[in-house]
Amino acid sequence: MTIYERFDSAGIPCAAEYYKHPERSRFYRKSLALRKYFETLPLAPYTGTLLCPLG
């Protein structure tokens, strides 16, 4: 079992993505991990207000 598979089975997708391609640079792996973090981030429910505050 690889490190990627261990983190993935433990439910830690960001760390799993970091170790998915160990031959690539740290910058590339970190960008994959951040992308996975934002993909799995729970969003706050929309309350009907402005999404981008003006001011």
Protein backbone atom coordinates (compact mmCIF):
# COMPACT_ATOMS: atom_id res chain seq x y z
CA MET A 1 0.00 0.00 0.00
CA THR A 2 1.46 3.35 -1.04
CA ILE A 3 1.41 6.53 1.04
CA TYR A 4 -1.19 7.93 -1.36
CA GLU A 5 -3.48 4.94 -0.77
CA ARG A 6 -3.02 5.15 3.00
CA PHE A 7 -4.00 8.81 3.17
CA ASP A 8 -6.86 8.28 0.74
CA SER A 9 -8.28 5.36 2.73
CA ALA A 10 -7.91 7.40 5.94
CA GLY A 11 -10.09 10.13 4.44
CA ILE A 12 -7.37 12.77 4.06
CA PRO A 13 -7.66 13.70 0.38
CA CYS A 14 -5.31 16.72 0.49
CA ALA A 15 -2.39 14.71 1.82
CA ALA A 16 -3.22 11.88 -0.56
CA GLU A 17 -2.98 14.22 -3.56
CA TYR A 18 0.38 15.52 -2.31
CA TYR A 19 1.83 12.00 -2.43
CA LYS A 20 0.06 10.88 -5.60
CA HIS A 21 2.98 11.84 -7.89
CA PRO A 22 6.19 11.54 -5.81
CA GLU A 23 8.41 11.97 -8.86
CA ARG A 24 7.09 15.50 -9.55
CA SER A 25 8.31 18.71 -7.89
CA ARG A 26 7.01 19.85 -4.51
CA PHE A 27 5.42 22.90 -6.17
CA TYR A 28 3.36 20.68 -8.49
CA ARG A 29 2.34 18.33 -5.67
CA LYS A 30 1.41 21.21 -3.38
CA SER A 31 -0.77 22.73 -6.10
CA LEU A 32 -2.59 19.41 -6.53
CA ALA A 33 -3.13 19.21 -2.77
CA LEU A 34 -4.50 22.77 -2.62
CA ARG A 35 -6.81 22.10 -5.55
CA LYS A 36 -8.16 18.99 -3.79
CA TYR A 37 -8.57 21.00 -0.58
CA PHE A 38 -10.73 23.60 -2.31
CA GLU A 39 -12.67 20.92 -4.18
CA THR A 40 -13.62 19.18 -0.93
CA LEU A 41 -14.14 22.34 1.17
CA PRO A 42 -17.72 22.55 2.46
CA LEU A 43 -19.41 25.76 1.36
CA ALA A 44 -21.49 27.93 3.64
CA PRO A 45 -25.16 27.94 2.75
CA TYR A 46 -26.31 30.86 0.61
CA THR A 47 -28.38 33.29 2.65
CA GLY A 48 -29.55 35.57 -0.14
CA THR A 49 -27.07 38.37 0.56
CA LEU A 50 -24.41 39.77 -1.74
CA LEU A 51 -21.65 37.29 -2.51
CA CYS A 52 -19.08 40.06 -2.92
CA PRO A 53 -19.50 42.92 -0.44
CA LEU A 54 -19.38 46.37 -1.96
CA GLY A 55 -17.84 49.17 -0.05
